[in-house]
Amino acid sequence: MPAGTTGIGPGIRPGIRPASGPGAEAARRAWQPVYMSSDPRHWIATLRNSHERLASLAAPLGTGGVRGPSYCSDWTIAQVMSHIGSGAEISLLILPGALGEGEPVGQDAFPPVWDTWNAKSPDAQVADGLAADEKHLQRLEQLTDDELAKVRLPFFGMDLDAVGMIRLRLGEHALHTWDVAVSADPAAVVSPDAVTLLIDNVPQVLAPRLGKPQEEPLRLRIRTTGPDRDYLLVAADAVTMTDLSGDAGAAAQGAREVSLPAEALLRLAYGRLDPAHTPADVQADPADLDRLRAVFPGF
């Protein structure tokens, strides 16, 4: 997979590892997601907003523009759109099994889908990617409350409900939409409504599963704004992020501090906070930022 892709979602080549080694039990506890919103329709509406943003970004690009580079190294904008489209198609393949209305789809069904999308022309990748994304969204929007309540999707050691399933797609979609947006506007940000839903995914899933263990232990207190969060990150044999809300702040005594927008932390966790795309309001020792980037190098 090209560097910079999200690597977590039903349309992505497997890139997630179970937490392992000393400290892994704490990481496993962090896998169990707790979401800001437990209403799947809130998540579907946010995914709809991301689709509309992506469509508005793609519309003015033209034949030449879609062949230009995205933020993902080695991927053009058209290839990002192809990735969105193949992910939508795979999500639709997975859905009947998640609803208990068909046999679960194995990962051996995915490569033929990717091959089909890779063979499309750049113009077709864009047009068909948006169409497939729309089709998937419409299917989600048509699900009844009873169907949403039935959703169960086994995924790398987690048993996901409807919110968990849609969270995978929203994380993939919102970050890849940024990959397209930033190609034209270096100051582009991930959509605020997506950040609000996804930020708690950083300590609960991304850090323990995608954070890179460090030979030299790293211990940092990370505070965010928009929304406000307060975490203790420890990267050693495993990577964990502990919520310091309430009276838990004493656990961070002696840790150096990093302050940044929640949007920047989300992009950091996906390997998208290089120096050229780090907001001016990030407050941290440059050496600590570099070490954080090493913990979250992208995948």
Protein backbone atom coordinates (compact mmCIF):
# COMPACT_ATOMS: atom_id res chain seq x y z
CA MET A 1 0.00 0.00 0.00
CA PRO A 2 1.36 3.47 -0.81
CA ALA A 3 2.53 5.42 2.20
CA GLY A 4 -0.06 7.84 3.48
CA THR A 5 -3.10 5.65 2.91
CA THR A 6 -5.34 5.14 5.88
CA GLY A 7 -5.03 1.36 6.10
CA ILE A 8 -8.10 0.97 8.31
CA GLY A 9 -11.46 0.34 6.75
CA PRO A 10 -13.24 -2.32 4.74
CA GLY A 11 -11.73 -1.23 1.44
CA ILE A 12 -8.10 -1.26 2.57
CA ARG A 13 -5.40 -3.86 2.15
CA PRO A 14 -4.79 -5.44 5.56
CA GLY A 15 -2.40 -3.24 7.51
CA ILE A 16 -3.61 -3.55 11.10
CA ARG A 17 -1.81 -5.62 13.65
CA PRO A 18 -3.03 -6.87 17.01
CA ALA A 19 -1.26 -5.22 19.93
CA SER A 20 1.46 -7.50 21.28
CA GLY A 21 4.36 -7.60 23.69
CA PRO A 22 4.60 -6.20 27.22
CA GLY A 23 1.87 -3.67 27.84
CA ALA A 24 -0.33 -5.20 25.17
CA GLU A 25 -3.14 -5.93 27.62
CA ALA A 26 -3.57 -2.20 28.20
CA ALA A 27 -3.62 -1.73 24.44
CA ARG A 28 -6.26 -4.44 24.06
CA ARG A 29 -8.47 -2.68 26.59
CA ALA A 30 -8.09 0.45 24.50
CA TRP A 31 -9.44 -1.41 21.46
CA GLN A 32 -12.97 -1.45 22.83
CA PRO A 33 -14.41 1.68 21.23
CA VAL A 34 -16.40 4.30 23.14
CA TYR A 35 -17.86 6.87 20.81
CA MET A 36 -18.94 10.47 21.26
CA SER A 37 -22.18 9.59 19.47
CA SER A 38 -23.89 6.21 19.69
CA ASP A 39 -26.43 7.15 17.01
CA PRO A 40 -25.45 5.46 13.73
CA ARG A 41 -27.50 7.99 11.77
CA HIS A 42 -25.26 10.76 13.12
CA TRP A 43 -22.28 8.89 11.69
CA ILE A 44 -24.05 8.26 8.37
CA ALA A 45 -24.92 11.97 8.09
CA THR A 46 -21.27 12.88 8.69
CA LEU A 47 -20.20 10.37 6.06
CA ARG A 48 -22.70 11.99 3.68
CA ASN A 49 -21.09 15.37 4.36
CA SER A 50 -17.68 13.91 3.57
CA HIS A 51 -18.97 12.51 0.28
CA GLU A 52 -20.40 15.88 -0.71
CA ARG A 53 -17.10 17.58 0.13
CA LEU A 54 -15.15 15.06 -1.93
CA ALA A 55 -17.50 15.49 -4.89
CA SER A 56 -17.12 19.28 -4.71
CA LEU A 57 -13.34 18.94 -4.65
CA ALA A 58 -13.27 16.59 -7.64
CA ALA A 59 -15.73 18.51 -9.81
CA PRO A 60 -13.43 21.37 -10.92
CA LEU A 61 -10.28 19.29 -11.43
CA GLY A 62 -10.82 18.18 -15.00
CA THR A 63 -8.93 15.49 -16.86
CA GLY A 64 -5.51 16.93 -16.09
CA GLY A 65 -6.21 17.68 -12.45
CA VAL A 66 -7.30 14.17 -11.49
CA ARG A 67 -3.99 12.86 -12.84
CA GLY A 68 -2.09 15.16 -10.49
CA PRO A 69 -0.59 14.02 -7.18
CA SER A 70 -2.59 13.61 -3.99
CA TYR A 71 -1.06 13.75 -0.51
CA CYS A 72 -0.61 9.96 -0.60
CA SER A 73 2.83 9.29 -1.99
CA ASP A 74 2.70 7.46 -5.34
CA TRP A 75 -1.06 7.98 -5.68
CA THR A 76 -2.72 10.42 -8.04
CA ILE A 77 -6.03 12.01 -7.13
CA ALA A 78 -7.73 9.56 -9.50
CA GLN A 79 -6.15 6.65 -7.62
CA VAL A 80 -7.46 8.02 -4.32
CA MET A 81 -10.92 8.20 -5.88
CA SER A 82 -10.49 4.62 -7.11
CA HIS A 83 -9.62 3.61 -3.56
CA ILE A 84 -12.78 5.29 -2.29
CA GLY A 85 -14.80 3.49 -4.94
CA SER A 86 -13.34 0.05 -4.28
CA GLY A 87 -13.87 0.58 -0.56
CA ALA A 88 -17.53 1.42 -1.19
CA GLU A 89 -17.97 -1.70 -3.32
CA ILE A 90 -16.36 -3.91 -0.68
CA SER A 91 -18.46 -2.29 2.04
CA LEU A 92 -21.58 -3.28 0.09
CA LEU A 93 -20.24 -6.84 -0.23
CA ILE A 94 -19.69 -7.01 3.53
CA LEU A 95 -23.04 -5.53 4.56
CA PRO A 96 -25.34 -8.58 4.10
CA GLY A 97 -23.09 -10.68 6.33
CA ALA A 98 -22.96 -7.90 8.94
CA LEU A 99 -26.77 -7.82 8.90
CA GLY A 100 -26.99 -11.59 9.34
CA GLU A 101 -28.60 -11.91 5.91
CA GLY A 102 -25.78 -13.74 4.17
CA GLU A 103 -22.48 -15.52 4.65
CA PRO A 104 -19.55 -13.36 5.81
CA VAL A 105 -17.31 -12.28 2.96
CA GLY A 106 -13.68 -13.32 3.28
CA GLN A 107 -10.74 -11.17 2.34
CA ASP A 108 -10.07 -13.34 -0.70
CA ALA A 109 -13.02 -11.52 -2.31
CA PHE A 110 -11.22 -8.17 -2.13
CA PRO A 111 -8.28 -8.49 -4.60
CA PRO A 112 -10.55 -8.96 -7.66
CA VAL A 113 -12.35 -5.75 -6.72
CA TRP A 114 -9.07 -3.86 -6.40
CA ASP A 115 -7.87 -5.26 -9.72
CA THR A 116 -11.02 -4.07 -11.48
CA TRP A 117 -10.66 -0.56 -10.10
CA ASN A 118 -6.94 -0.41 -10.81
CA ALA A 119 -7.64 -1.22 -14.46
CA LYS A 120 -9.99 1.75 -14.93
CA SER A 121 -8.86 4.93 -16.65
CA PRO A 122 -8.22 7.93 -14.37
CA ASP A 123 -11.41 9.64 -15.55
CA ALA A 124 -13.43 6.49 -14.88
CA GLN A 125 -11.82 6.05 -11.47
CA VAL A 126 -13.11 9.48 -10.46
CA ALA A 127 -16.60 9.20 -11.94
CA ASP A 128 -17.15 5.59 -10.88
CA GLY A 129 -15.59 6.22 -7.46
CA LEU A 130 -18.11 8.94 -6.68
CA ALA A 131 -20.96 6.80 -8.05
CA ALA A 132 -19.99 3.78 -5.94
CA ASP A 133 -19.59 5.99 -2.89
CA GLU A 134 -23.07 7.42 -3.47
CA LYS A 135 -24.53 3.93 -3.87
CA HIS A 136 -23.00 2.79 -0.60
CA LEU A 137 -24.24 5.88 1.21
CA GLN A 138 -27.76 5.45 -0.09
CA ARG A 139 -27.78 1.85 1.14
CA LEU A 140 -26.70 2.98 4.60
CA GLU A 141 -29.32 5.73 4.63
CA GLN A 142 -32.01 3.19 3.68
CA LEU A 143 -31.27 0.85 6.59
CA THR A 144 -34.08 0.68 9.12
CA ASP A 145 -33.51 1.17 12.82
CA ASP A 146 -33.97 -2.58 13.31
CA GLU A 147 -31.36 -3.34 10.65
CA LEU A 148 -28.88 -0.89 12.16
CA ALA A 149 -29.39 -2.54 15.55
CA LYS A 150 -28.59 -5.98 14.05
CA VAL A 151 -25.22 -5.05 12.56
CA ARG A 152 -22.33 -7.18 13.83
CA LEU A 153 -19.00 -7.16 12.00
CA PRO A 154 -15.96 -9.11 13.26
CA PHE A 155 -12.91 -7.00 12.50
CA PHE A 156 -9.36 -7.71 13.69
CA GLY A 157 -10.37 -8.81 17.18
CA MET A 158 -13.26 -6.40 17.55
CA ASP A 159 -16.98 -7.10 17.24
CA LEU A 160 -18.30 -3.94 15.60
CA ASP A 161 -21.85 -2.65 15.74
CA ALA A 162 -23.33 -0.23 13.19
CA VAL A 163 -21.45 2.74 14.62
CA GLY A 164 -18.19 0.81 14.60
CA MET A 165 -18.69 -0.31 11.02
CA ILE A 166 -19.47 3.20 9.80
CA ARG A 167 -16.58 4.59 11.85
CA LEU A 168 -14.17 2.52 9.75
CA ARG A 169 -15.55 4.00 6.57
CA LEU A 170 -15.68 7.57 7.90
CA GLY A 171 -12.05 7.47 9.04
CA GLU A 172 -10.95 6.22 5.63
CA HIS A 173 -13.19 8.65 3.76
CA ALA A 174 -12.48 11.83 5.72
CA LEU A 175 -8.70 11.39 5.63
CA HIS A 176 -8.62 10.56 1.92
CA THR A 177 -10.86 13.55 1.25
CA TRP A 178 -8.20 15.64 2.98
CA ASP A 179 -5.58 13.97 0.76
CA VAL A 180 -7.43 15.46 -2.22
CA ALA A 181 -8.18 18.83 -0.60
CA VAL A 182 -4.60 19.51 0.48
CA SER A 183 -3.30 19.02 -3.04
CA ALA A 184 -4.89 22.38 -3.92
CA ASP A 185 -4.85 24.05 -0.49
CA PRO A 186 -1.88 23.37 1.82
CA ALA A 187 -3.90 24.78 4.74
CA ALA A 188 -6.81 22.36 4.25
CA VAL A 189 -8.13 20.54 7.32
CA VAL A 190 -10.15 17.41 7.94
CA SER A 191 -13.83 18.31 8.18
CA PRO A 192 -14.66 19.44 11.75
CA ASP A 193 -17.75 17.21 12.03
CA ALA A 194 -15.63 14.17 11.17
CA VAL A 195 -12.92 15.21 13.63
CA THR A 196 -15.47 15.47 16.43
CA LEU A 197 -16.56 11.88 15.87
CA LEU A 198 -13.17 10.37 15.05
CA ILE A 199 -10.84 11.95 17.62
CA ASP A 200 -11.61 9.34 20.30
CA ASN A 201 -10.57 6.69 17.80
CA VAL A 202 -6.95 7.81 18.23
CA PRO A 203 -6.38 6.44 21.77
CA GLN A 204 -8.91 3.62 21.49
CA VAL A 205 -7.88 2.02 18.18
CA LEU A 206 -5.22 3.84 16.19
CA ALA A 207 -2.53 4.21 18.84
CA PRO A 208 -2.52 0.60 20.11
CA ARG A 209 -2.95 -0.93 16.65
CA LEU A 210 -0.97 1.38 14.41
CA GLY A 211 1.47 3.14 16.74
CA LYS A 212 5.06 1.99 16.26
CA PRO A 213 6.81 0.70 19.42
CA GLN A 214 9.92 2.66 20.37
CA GLU A 215 13.26 1.34 21.62
CA GLU A 216 13.76 4.56 23.56
CA PRO A 217 10.53 5.00 25.59
CA LEU A 218 8.52 8.15 24.93
CA ARG A 219 6.13 9.67 27.46
CA LEU A 220 4.14 12.76 26.53
CA ARG A 221 1.04 14.53 27.76
CA ILE A 222 -1.07 15.49 24.74
CA ARG A 223 -3.77 18.15 25.09
CA THR A 224 -6.14 19.00 22.25
CA THR A 225 -8.67 21.68 21.46
CA GLY A 226 -11.76 21.47 19.25
CA PRO A 227 -12.75 19.17 20.94
CA ASP A 228 -10.78 19.26 24.19
CA ARG A 229 -8.95 16.09 25.15
CA ASP A 230 -6.15 15.25 27.59
CA TYR A 231 -4.07 12.10 27.08
CA LEU A 232 -0.90 10.47 28.33
CA LEU A 233 0.92 8.77 25.45
CA VAL A 234 3.46 6.09 26.30
CA ALA A 235 5.40 4.48 23.46
CA ALA A 236 7.72 1.64 24.43
CA ASP A 237 7.14 -2.06 23.75
CA ALA A 238 3.56 -1.08 22.97
CA VAL A 239 1.84 2.24 22.33
CA THR A 240 -0.94 3.35 24.67
CA MET A 241 -2.86 6.57 25.21
CA THR A 242 -4.57 7.04 28.58
CA ASP A 243 -7.44 9.47 29.12
CA LEU A 244 -6.41 12.00 31.78
CA SER A 245 -9.84 13.54 32.33
CA GLY A 246 -11.09 14.01 35.87
CA ASP A 247 -8.56 13.25 38.59
CA ALA A 248 -6.28 11.16 36.37
CA GLY A 249 -3.95 14.05 35.49
CA ALA A 250 -1.52 13.14 38.25
CA ALA A 251 -0.51 10.10 36.17
CA ALA A 252 1.20 12.47 33.72
CA GLN A 253 3.44 14.10 36.31
CA GLY A 254 6.86 14.79 34.82
CA ALA A 255 5.77 14.16 31.22
CA ARG A 256 6.59 16.78 28.61
CA GLU A 257 3.54 18.39 27.00
CA VAL A 258 2.23 18.78 23.48
CA SER A 259 -0.73 21.04 22.71
CA LEU A 260 -2.45 20.93 19.34
CA PRO A 261 -5.85 21.02 17.60
CA ALA A 262 -7.69 17.70 17.68
CA GLU A 263 -7.69 17.81 13.87
CA ALA A 264 -3.88 17.83 13.90
CA LEU A 265 -3.75 14.88 16.33
CA LEU A 266 -6.08 12.91 14.08
CA ARG A 267 -3.87 13.56 11.07
CA LEU A 268 -0.78 12.72 13.13
CA ALA A 269 -2.25 9.31 13.95
CA TYR A 270 -2.68 8.67 10.21
CA GLY A 271 0.86 9.78 9.35
CA ARG A 272 -0.25 13.13 7.93
CA LEU A 273 1.38 15.74 10.19
CA ASP A 274 4.62 16.41 8.35
CA PRO A 275 6.30 19.79 9.05
CA ALA A 276 4.78 21.41 5.95
CA HIS A 277 1.26 20.54 7.15
CA THR A 278 1.64 21.22 10.88
CA PRO A 279 -0.58 24.11 12.05
CA ALA A 280 1.08 27.17 13.55
CA ASP A 281 -0.85 26.73 16.80
CA VAL A 282 0.79 23.40 17.61
CA GLN A 283 2.84 23.90 20.77
CA ALA A 284 5.58 21.34 21.29
CA ASP A 285 9.31 20.88 21.40
CA PRO A 286 10.31 20.14 17.78
CA ALA A 287 12.16 17.03 18.95
CA ASP A 288 9.00 15.72 20.61
CA LEU A 289 7.03 16.32 17.43
CA ASP A 290 9.59 14.40 15.43
CA ARG A 291 9.38 11.51 17.85
CA LEU A 292 5.58 11.53 17.63
CA ARG A 293 5.85 11.36 13.86
CA ALA A 294 8.07 8.31 14.30
CA VAL A 295 5.40 6.67 16.46
CA PHE A 296 2.79 7.35 13.76
CA PRO A 297 4.68 7.08 10.45
CA GLY A 298 1.69 6.19 8.29
CA PHE A 299 1.12 2.87 6.60
